[in-house]
């Protein structure tokens, strides 16, 4: 028996998790920026991230805009994915 997903609840859960990761990354960028860049370098094998390093810290408005836009994108994408899964799993 195939278990269908509750689209809204699934999208809400993924959005909360994504925002948690967003906040953790922001905190890491404040307290351990070199560590964060080391992780980034290990993920992007052939790219140099050195030129992308910020010269000034992110302001609160940019942080909030990033959180809201990330939450919107994650929610819409996850909801759509769950709806398609339910449609195709029937």
PDB file of N, CA and C in Angstrom:
ATOM      1  N   UNK A   1       0.840  -1.181   0.000  1.00  0.00           N
ATOM      2  CA  UNK A   1       0.000   0.000   0.000  1.00  0.00           C
ATOM      3  C   UNK A   1       0.889   1.250   0.000  1.00  0.00           C
ATOM      4  N   UNK A   2       0.602   2.154  -0.888  1.00  0.00           N
ATOM      5  CA  UNK A   2       1.380   3.390  -1.006  1.00  0.00           C
ATOM      6  C   UNK A   2       0.798   4.435  -0.069  1.00  0.00           C
ATOM      7  N   UNK A   3       1.668   5.047   0.706  1.00  0.00           N
ATOM      8  CA  UNK A   3       1.223   6.089   1.620  1.00  0.00           C
ATOM      9  C   UNK A   3       1.346   7.433   0.919  1.00  0.00           C
ATOM     10  N   UNK A   4       0.260   8.175   0.859  1.00  0.00           N
ATOM     11  CA  UNK A   4       0.275   9.486   0.237  1.00  0.00           C
ATOM     12  C   UNK A   4       0.745  10.533   1.242  1.00  0.00           C
ATOM     13  N   UNK A   5       1.301  11.612   0.730  1.00  0.00           N
ATOM     14  CA  UNK A   5       1.809  12.691   1.572  1.00  0.00           C
ATOM     15  C   UNK A   5       0.747  13.767   1.759  1.00  0.00           C
ATOM     16  N   UNK A   6       0.715  14.356   2.921  1.00  0.00           N
ATOM     17  CA  UNK A   6      -0.115  15.539   3.143  1.00  0.00           C
ATOM     18  C   UNK A   6       0.726  16.726   2.667  1.00  0.00           C
ATOM     19  N   UNK A   7       0.334  17.312   1.538  1.00  0.00           N
ATOM     20  CA  UNK A   7       1.169  18.316   0.878  1.00  0.00           C
ATOM     21  C   UNK A   7       1.536  19.489   1.775  1.00  0.00           C
ATOM     22  N   UNK A   8       0.528  20.086   2.423  1.00  0.00           N
ATOM     23  CA  UNK A   8       0.791  21.268   3.257  1.00  0.00           C
ATOM     24  C   UNK A   8       1.720  20.945   4.420  1.00  0.00           C
ATOM     25  N   UNK A   9       1.466  19.855   5.097  1.00  0.00           N
ATOM     26  CA  UNK A   9       2.281  19.489   6.249  1.00  0.00           C
ATOM     27  C   UNK A   9       3.712  19.168   5.830  1.00  0.00           C
ATOM     28  N   UNK A  10       3.850  18.466   4.697  1.00  0.00           N
ATOM     29  CA  UNK A  10       5.172  18.119   4.176  1.00  0.00           C
ATOM     30  C   UNK A  10       5.936  19.388   3.799  1.00  0.00           C
ATOM     31  N   UNK A  11       5.269  20.315   3.115  1.00  0.00           N
ATOM     32  CA  UNK A  11       5.903  21.574   2.728  1.00  0.00           C
ATOM     33  C   UNK A  11       6.258  22.416   3.957  1.00  0.00           C
ATOM     34  N   UNK A  12       5.387  22.432   4.952  1.00  0.00           N
ATOM     35  CA  UNK A  12       5.679  23.170   6.185  1.00  0.00           C
ATOM     36  C   UNK A  12       6.919  22.612   6.878  1.00  0.00           C
ATOM     37  N   UNK A  13       7.003  21.285   6.959  1.00  0.00           N
ATOM     38  CA  UNK A  13       8.144  20.651   7.631  1.00  0.00           C
ATOM     39  C   UNK A  13       9.451  20.970   6.904  1.00  0.00           C
ATOM     40  N   UNK A  14       9.460  20.838   5.588  1.00  0.00           N
ATOM     41  CA  UNK A  14      10.675  21.134   4.831  1.00  0.00           C
ATOM     42  C   UNK A  14      11.069  22.599   4.948  1.00  0.00           C
ATOM     43  N   UNK A  15      10.079  23.480   4.985  1.00  0.00           N
ATOM     44  CA  UNK A  15      10.360  24.910   5.110  1.00  0.00           C
ATOM     45  C   UNK A  15      10.999  25.219   6.460  1.00  0.00           C
ATOM     46  N   UNK A  16      10.480  24.648   7.519  1.00  0.00           N
ATOM     47  CA  UNK A  16      11.047  24.880   8.857  1.00  0.00           C
ATOM     48  C   UNK A  16      12.486  24.357   8.928  1.00  0.00           C
ATOM     49  N   UNK A  17      12.716  23.171   8.381  1.00  0.00           N
ATOM     50  CA  UNK A  17      14.073  22.610   8.375  1.00  0.00           C
ATOM     51  C   UNK A  17      15.014  23.501   7.555  1.00  0.00           C
ATOM     52  N   UNK A  18      14.562  23.963   6.409  1.00  0.00           N
ATOM     53  CA  UNK A  18      15.394  24.820   5.560  1.00  0.00           C
ATOM     54  C   UNK A  18      15.723  26.137   6.247  1.00  0.00           C
ATOM     55  N   UNK A  19      14.755  26.720   6.920  1.00  0.00           N
ATOM     56  CA  UNK A  19      15.019  27.957   7.649  1.00  0.00           C
ATOM     57  C   UNK A  19      15.984  27.717   8.810  1.00  0.00           C
ATOM     58  N   UNK A  20      15.890  26.554   9.438  1.00  0.00           N
ATOM     59  CA  UNK A  20      16.861  26.221  10.492  1.00  0.00           C
ATOM     60  C   UNK A  20      18.277  26.152   9.946  1.00  0.00           C
ATOM     61  N   UNK A  21      18.438  25.523   8.793  1.00  0.00           N
ATOM     62  CA  UNK A  21      19.761  25.443   8.154  1.00  0.00           C
ATOM     63  C   UNK A  21      20.232  26.838   7.758  1.00  0.00           C
ATOM     64  N   UNK A  22      19.329  27.679   7.268  1.00  0.00           N
ATOM     65  CA  UNK A  22      19.654  29.056   6.889  1.00  0.00           C
ATOM     66  C   UNK A  22      20.192  29.833   8.094  1.00  0.00           C
ATOM     67  N   UNK A  23      19.542  29.701   9.228  1.00  0.00           N
ATOM     68  CA  UNK A  23      19.977  30.400  10.442  1.00  0.00           C
ATOM     69  C   UNK A  23      21.324  29.858  10.916  1.00  0.00           C
ATOM     70  N   UNK A  24      21.508  28.537  10.892  1.00  0.00           N
ATOM     71  CA  UNK A  24      22.790  27.943  11.297  1.00  0.00           C
ATOM     72  C   UNK A  24      23.914  28.443  10.395  1.00  0.00           C
ATOM     73  N   UNK A  25      23.658  28.505   9.091  1.00  0.00           N
ATOM     74  CA  UNK A  25      24.680  29.020   8.171  1.00  0.00           C
ATOM     75  C   UNK A  25      25.003  30.476   8.469  1.00  0.00           C
ATOM     76  N   UNK A  26      23.996  31.257   8.786  1.00  0.00           N
ATOM     77  CA  UNK A  26      24.224  32.667   9.126  1.00  0.00           C
ATOM     78  C   UNK A  26      25.075  32.784  10.391  1.00  0.00           C
ATOM     79  N   UNK A  27      24.763  32.007  11.385  1.00  0.00           N
ATOM     80  CA  UNK A  27      25.549  32.037  12.627  1.00  0.00           C
ATOM     81  C   UNK A  27      26.988  31.605  12.345  1.00  0.00           C
ATOM     82  N   UNK A  28      27.158  30.548  11.552  1.00  0.00           N
ATOM     83  CA  UNK A  28      28.511  30.106  11.186  1.00  0.00           C
ATOM     84  C   UNK A  28      29.267  31.182  10.434  1.00  0.00           C
ATOM     85  N   UNK A  29      28.564  31.927   9.572  1.00  0.00           N
ATOM     86  CA  UNK A  29      29.240  32.987   8.821  1.00  0.00           C
ATOM     87  C   UNK A  29      29.725  34.102   9.745  1.00  0.00           C
ATOM     88  N   UNK A  30      29.092  34.242  10.890  1.00  0.00           N
ATOM     89  CA  UNK A  30      29.513  35.262  11.851  1.00  0.00           C
ATOM     90  C   UNK A  30      30.647  34.782  12.750  1.00  0.00           C
ATOM     91  N   UNK A  31      30.566  33.531  13.224  1.00  0.00           N
ATOM     92  CA  UNK A  31      31.543  33.065  14.208  1.00  0.00           C
ATOM     93  C   UNK A  31      32.681  32.244  13.609  1.00  0.00           C
ATOM     94  N   UNK A  32      32.462  31.660  12.435  1.00  0.00           N
ATOM     95  CA  UNK A  32      33.499  30.811  11.836  1.00  0.00           C
ATOM     96  C   UNK A  32      33.479  30.916  10.303  1.00  0.00           C
ATOM     97  N   UNK A  33      33.715  32.117   9.766  1.00  0.00           N
ATOM     98  CA  UNK A  33      33.626  32.271   8.313  1.00  0.00           C
ATOM     99  C   UNK A  33      34.643  31.423   7.548  1.00  0.00           C
ATOM    100  N   UNK A  34      35.833  31.231   8.098  1.00  0.00           N
ATOM    101  CA  UNK A  34      36.835  30.410   7.413  1.00  0.00           C
ATOM    102  C   UNK A  34      36.384  28.956   7.307  1.00  0.00           C
ATOM    103  N   UNK A  35      35.756  28.453   8.368  1.00  0.00           N
ATOM    104  CA  UNK A  35      35.222  27.096   8.334  1.00  0.00           C
ATOM    105  C   UNK A  35      34.141  26.968   7.269  1.00  0.00           C
ATOM    106  N   UNK A  36      33.252  27.955   7.210  1.00  0.00           N
ATOM    107  CA  UNK A  36      32.167  27.929   6.237  1.00  0.00           C
ATOM    108  C   UNK A  36      32.718  27.931   4.815  1.00  0.00           C
ATOM    109  N   UNK A  37      33.758  28.725   4.562  1.00  0.00           N
ATOM    110  CA  UNK A  37      34.367  28.732   3.232  1.00  0.00           C
ATOM    111  C   UNK A  37      35.087  27.423   2.936  1.00  0.00           C
ATOM    112  N   UNK A  38      35.664  26.810   3.932  1.00  0.00           N
ATOM    113  CA  UNK A  38      36.292  25.498   3.725  1.00  0.00           C
ATOM    114  C   UNK A  38      35.268  24.455   3.311  1.00  0.00           C
ATOM    115  N   UNK A  39      34.118  24.474   3.948  1.00  0.00           N
ATOM    116  CA  UNK A  39      33.041  23.554   3.577  1.00  0.00           C
ATOM    117  C   UNK A  39      32.602  23.834   2.147  1.00  0.00           C
ATOM    118  N   UNK A  40      32.406  25.105   1.822  1.00  0.00           N
ATOM    119  CA  UNK A  40      31.996  25.479   0.469  1.00  0.00           C
ATOM    120  C   UNK A  40      33.005  25.046  -0.584  1.00  0.00           C
ATOM    121  N   UNK A  41      34.279  25.226  -0.287  1.00  0.00           N
ATOM    122  CA  UNK A  41      35.322  24.803  -1.222  1.00  0.00           C
ATOM    123  C   UNK A  41      35.296  23.292  -1.428  1.00  0.00           C
ATOM    124  N   UNK A  42      34.987  22.551  -0.380  1.00  0.00           N
ATOM    125  CA  UNK A  42      34.956  21.092  -0.511  1.00  0.00           C
ATOM    126  C   UNK A  42      33.766  20.627  -1.346  1.00  0.00           C
ATOM    127  N   UNK A  43      32.719  21.424  -1.427  1.00  0.00           N
ATOM    128  CA  UNK A  43      31.546  21.056  -2.209  1.00  0.00           C
ATOM    129  C   UNK A  43      31.689  21.425  -3.679  1.00  0.00           C
ATOM    130  N   UNK A  44      32.366  22.527  -3.966  1.00  0.00           N
ATOM    131  CA  UNK A  44      32.519  23.010  -5.344  1.00  0.00           C
ATOM    132  C   UNK A  44      33.953  22.758  -5.781  1.00  0.00           C
ATOM    133  N   UNK A  45      34.191  21.583  -6.297  1.00  0.00           N
ATOM    134  CA  UNK A  45      35.534  21.055  -6.540  1.00  0.00           C
ATOM    135  C   UNK A  45      36.394  21.917  -7.450  1.00  0.00           C
ATOM    136  N   UNK A  46      35.837  22.479  -8.488  1.00  0.00           N
ATOM    137  CA  UNK A  46      36.667  23.200  -9.453  1.00  0.00           C
ATOM    138  C   UNK A  46      36.453  24.709  -9.426  1.00  0.00           C
ATOM    139  N   UNK A  47      35.760  25.207  -8.430  1.00  0.00           N
ATOM    140  CA  UNK A  47      35.500  26.643  -8.336  1.00  0.00           C
ATOM    141  C   UNK A  47      36.280  27.251  -7.177  1.00  0.00           C
ATOM    142  N   UNK A  48      36.742  28.471  -7.372  1.00  0.00           N
ATOM    143  CA  UNK A  48      37.368  29.219  -6.290  1.00  0.00           C
ATOM    144  C   UNK A  48      36.324  30.163  -5.713  1.00  0.00           C
ATOM    145  N   UNK A  49      36.093  30.066  -4.441  1.00  0.00           N
ATOM    146  CA  UNK A  49      35.109  30.910  -3.780  1.00  0.00           C
ATOM    147  C   UNK A  49      35.734  32.150  -3.156  1.00  0.00           C
ATOM    148  N   UNK A  50      37.054  32.270  -3.224  1.00  0.00           N
ATOM    149  CA  UNK A  50      37.739  33.379  -2.564  1.00  0.00           C
ATOM    150  C   UNK A  50      37.239  34.739  -3.033  1.00  0.00           C
ATOM    151  N   UNK A  51      36.968  34.895  -4.326  1.00  0.00           N
ATOM    152  CA  UNK A  51      36.513  36.190  -4.833  1.00  0.00           C
ATOM    153  C   UNK A  51      35.073  36.500  -4.409  1.00  0.00           C
ATOM    154  N   UNK A  52      34.369  35.515  -3.890  1.00  0.00           N
ATOM    155  CA  UNK A  52      32.980  35.719  -3.472  1.00  0.00           C
ATOM    156  C   UNK A  52      32.852  36.108  -2.003  1.00  0.00           C
ATOM    157  N   UNK A  53      33.946  36.120  -1.294  1.00  0.00           N
ATOM    158  CA  UNK A  53      33.907  36.438   0.137  1.00  0.00           C
ATOM    159  C   UNK A  53      33.414  37.868   0.339  1.00  0.00           C
ATOM    160  N   UNK A  54      32.462  38.049   1.219  1.00  0.00           N
ATOM    161  CA  UNK A  54      31.881  39.367   1.480  1.00  0.00           C
ATOM    162  C   UNK A  54      32.891  40.275   2.170  1.00  0.00           C
ATOM    163  N   UNK A  55      32.855  41.541   1.811  1.00  0.00           N
ATOM    164  CA  UNK A  55      33.750  42.510   2.451  1.00  0.00           C
ATOM    165  C   UNK A  55      33.057  43.219   3.601  1.00  0.00           C
ATOM    166  N   UNK A  56      31.734  43.109   3.673  1.00  0.00           N
ATOM    167  CA  UNK A  56      30.999  43.681   4.797  1.00  0.00           C
ATOM    168  C   UNK A  56      29.948  42.668   5.244  1.00  0.00           C
ATOM    169  N   UNK A  57      29.605  42.687   6.514  1.00  0.00           N
ATOM    170  CA  UNK A  57      28.624  41.719   7.020  1.00  0.00           C
ATOM    171  C   UNK A  57      27.229  41.972   6.438  1.00  0.00           C
ATOM    172  N   UNK A  58      26.437  40.907   6.390  1.00  0.00           N
ATOM    173  CA  UNK A  58      25.060  41.005   5.903  1.00  0.00           C
ATOM    174  C   UNK A  58      24.228  41.793   6.901  1.00  0.00           C
ATOM    175  N   UNK A  59      23.427  42.746   6.403  1.00  0.00           N
ATOM    176  CA  UNK A  59      22.564  43.491   7.317  1.00  0.00           C
ATOM    177  C   UNK A  59      21.276  42.704   7.600  1.00  0.00           C
ATOM    178  N   UNK A  60      20.556  43.163   8.585  1.00  0.00           N
ATOM    179  CA  UNK A  60      19.356  42.448   9.028  1.00  0.00           C
ATOM    180  C   UNK A  60      18.303  42.361   7.928  1.00  0.00           C
ATOM    181  N   UNK A  61      18.131  43.427   7.163  1.00  0.00           N
ATOM    182  CA  UNK A  61      17.148  43.433   6.083  1.00  0.00           C
ATOM    183  C   UNK A  61      17.450  42.378   5.031  1.00  0.00           C
ATOM    184  N   UNK A  62      18.720  42.246   4.665  1.00  0.00           N
ATOM    185  CA  UNK A  62      19.125  41.237   3.692  1.00  0.00           C
ATOM    186  C   UNK A  62      18.897  39.838   4.247  1.00  0.00           C
ATOM    187  N   UNK A  63      19.206  39.648   5.529  1.00  0.00           N
ATOM    188  CA  UNK A  63      18.987  38.355   6.176  1.00  0.00           C
ATOM    189  C   UNK A  63      17.506  37.977   6.150  1.00  0.00           C
ATOM    190  N   UNK A  64      16.649  38.914   6.499  1.00  0.00           N
ATOM    191  CA  UNK A  64      15.208  38.639   6.521  1.00  0.00           C
ATOM    192  C   UNK A  64      14.680  38.394   5.109  1.00  0.00           C
ATOM    193  N   UNK A  65      15.114  39.206   4.143  1.00  0.00           N
ATOM    194  CA  UNK A  65      14.694  38.999   2.749  1.00  0.00           C
ATOM    195  C   UNK A  65      15.116  37.613   2.277  1.00  0.00           C
ATOM    196  N   UNK A  66      16.330  37.202   2.604  1.00  0.00           N
ATOM    197  CA  UNK A  66      16.809  35.870   2.230  1.00  0.00           C
ATOM    198  C   UNK A  66      15.981  34.773   2.864  1.00  0.00           C
ATOM    199  N   UNK A  67      15.629  34.946   4.133  1.00  0.00           N
ATOM    200  CA  UNK A  67      14.826  33.934   4.835  1.00  0.00           C
ATOM    201  C   UNK A  67      13.433  33.820   4.227  1.00  0.00           C
ATOM    202  N   UNK A  68      12.812  34.954   3.942  1.00  0.00           N
ATOM    203  CA  UNK A  68      11.464  34.941   3.375  1.00  0.00           C
ATOM    204  C   UNK A  68      11.465  34.347   1.974  1.00  0.00           C
ATOM    205  N   UNK A  69      12.405  34.756   1.142  1.00  0.00           N
ATOM    206  CA  UNK A  69      12.449  34.231  -0.229  1.00  0.00           C
ATOM    207  C   UNK A  69      12.798  32.739  -0.238  1.00  0.00           C
ATOM    208  N   UNK A  70      13.692  32.313   0.663  1.00  0.00           N
ATOM    209  CA  UNK A  70      14.015  30.888   0.769  1.00  0.00           C
ATOM    210  C   UNK A  70      12.787  30.096   1.214  1.00  0.00           C
ATOM    211  N   UNK A  71      12.090  30.595   2.218  1.00  0.00           N
ATOM    212  CA  UNK A  71      10.898  29.898   2.725  1.00  0.00           C
ATOM    213  C   UNK A  71       9.850  29.768   1.622  1.00  0.00           C
ATOM    214  N   UNK A  72       9.645  30.830   0.865  1.00  0.00           N
ATOM    215  CA  UNK A  72       8.668  30.794  -0.236  1.00  0.00           C
ATOM    216  C   UNK A  72       9.064  29.754  -1.278  1.00  0.00           C
ATOM    217  N   UNK A  73      10.309  29.789  -1.708  1.00  0.00           N
ATOM    218  CA  UNK A  73      10.779  28.860  -2.730  1.00  0.00           C
ATOM    219  C   UNK A  73      10.702  27.406  -2.253  1.00  0.00           C
ATOM    220  N   UNK A  74      11.143  27.152  -1.034  1.00  0.00           N
ATOM    221  CA  UNK A  74      11.129  25.784  -0.502  1.00  0.00           C
ATOM    222  C   UNK A  74       9.694  25.290  -0.347  1.00  0.00           C
ATOM    223  N   UNK A  75       8.804  26.143   0.156  1.00  0.00           N
ATOM    224  CA  UNK A  75       7.425  25.710   0.374  1.00  0.00           C
ATOM    225  C   UNK A  75       6.750  25.366  -0.951  1.00  0.00           C
ATOM    226  N   UNK A  76       6.856  26.249  -1.933  1.00  0.00           N
ATOM    227  CA  UNK A  76       6.217  26.016  -3.238  1.00  0.00           C
ATOM    228  C   UNK A  76       6.797  24.762  -3.895  1.00  0.00           C
ATOM    229  N   UNK A  77       8.114  24.629  -3.873  1.00  0.00           N
ATOM    230  CA  UNK A  77       8.761  23.480  -4.508  1.00  0.00           C
ATOM    231  C   UNK A  77       8.371  22.174  -3.820  1.00  0.00           C
ATOM    232  N   UNK A  78       8.388  22.159  -2.497  1.00  0.00           N
ATOM    233  CA  UNK A  78       8.061  20.940  -1.752  1.00  0.00           C
ATOM    234  C   UNK A  78       6.593  20.581  -1.898  1.00  0.00           C
ATOM    235  N   UNK A  79       5.723  21.566  -1.814  1.00  0.00           N
ATOM    236  CA  UNK A  79       4.293  21.308  -1.997  1.00  0.00           C
ATOM    237  C   UNK A  79       4.035  20.729  -3.384  1.00  0.00           C
ATOM    238  N   UNK A  80       4.640  21.334  -4.399  1.00  0.00           N
ATOM    239  CA  UNK A  80       4.459  20.853  -5.779  1.00  0.00           C
ATOM    240  C   UNK A  80       4.985  19.429  -5.936  1.00  0.00           C
ATOM    241  N   UNK A  81       6.145  19.160  -5.348  1.00  0.00           N
ATOM    242  CA  UNK A  81       6.707  17.816  -5.419  1.00  0.00           C
ATOM    243  C   UNK A  81       5.829  16.788  -4.738  1.00  0.00           C
ATOM    244  N   UNK A  82       5.301  17.135  -3.576  1.00  0.00           N
ATOM    245  CA  UNK A  82       4.419  16.206  -2.858  1.00  0.00           C
ATOM    246  C   UNK A  82       3.116  15.988  -3.625  1.00  0.00           C
ATOM    247  N   UNK A  83       2.571  17.043  -4.227  1.00  0.00           N
ATOM    248  CA  UNK A  83       1.343  16.903  -5.008  1.00  0.00           C
ATOM    249  C   UNK A  83       1.570  16.008  -6.222  1.00  0.00           C
ATOM    250  N   UNK A  84       2.688  16.181  -6.904  1.00  0.00           N
ATOM    251  CA  UNK A  84       2.996  15.321  -8.044  1.00  0.00           C
ATOM    252  C   UNK A  84       3.207  13.882  -7.598  1.00  0.00           C
ATOM    253  N   UNK A  85       3.906  13.703  -6.476  1.00  0.00           N
ATOM    254  CA  UNK A  85       4.109  12.348  -5.941  1.00  0.00           C
ATOM    255  C   UNK A  85       2.756  11.684  -5.686  1.00  0.00           C
ATOM    256  N   UNK A  86       1.847  12.394  -5.015  1.00  0.00           N
ATOM    257  CA  UNK A  86       0.528  11.834  -4.720  1.00  0.00           C
ATOM    258  C   UNK A  86      -0.235  11.491  -5.996  1.00  0.00           C
ATOM    259  N   UNK A  87      -0.143  12.356  -6.987  1.00  0.00           N
ATOM    260  CA  UNK A  87      -0.847  12.124  -8.248  1.00  0.00           C
ATOM    261  C   UNK A  87      -0.304  10.882  -8.950  1.00  0.00           C
ATOM    262  N   UNK A  88       1.005  10.759  -9.006  1.00  0.00           N
ATOM    263  CA  UNK A  88       1.628   9.656  -9.727  1.00  0.00           C
ATOM    264  C   UNK A  88       1.624   8.348  -8.941  1.00  0.00           C
ATOM    265  N   UNK A  89       1.489   8.434  -7.607  1.00  0.00           N
ATOM    266  CA  UNK A  89       1.513   7.220  -6.788  1.00  0.00           C
ATOM    267  C   UNK A  89       0.162   6.524  -6.759  1.00  0.00           C
ATOM    268  N   UNK A  90      -0.884   7.192  -7.181  1.00  0.00           N
ATOM    269  CA  UNK A  90      -2.236   6.599  -7.131  1.00  0.00           C
ATOM    270  C   UNK A  90      -2.402   5.514  -8.158  1.00  0.00           C
TER     271      UNK A  90
END
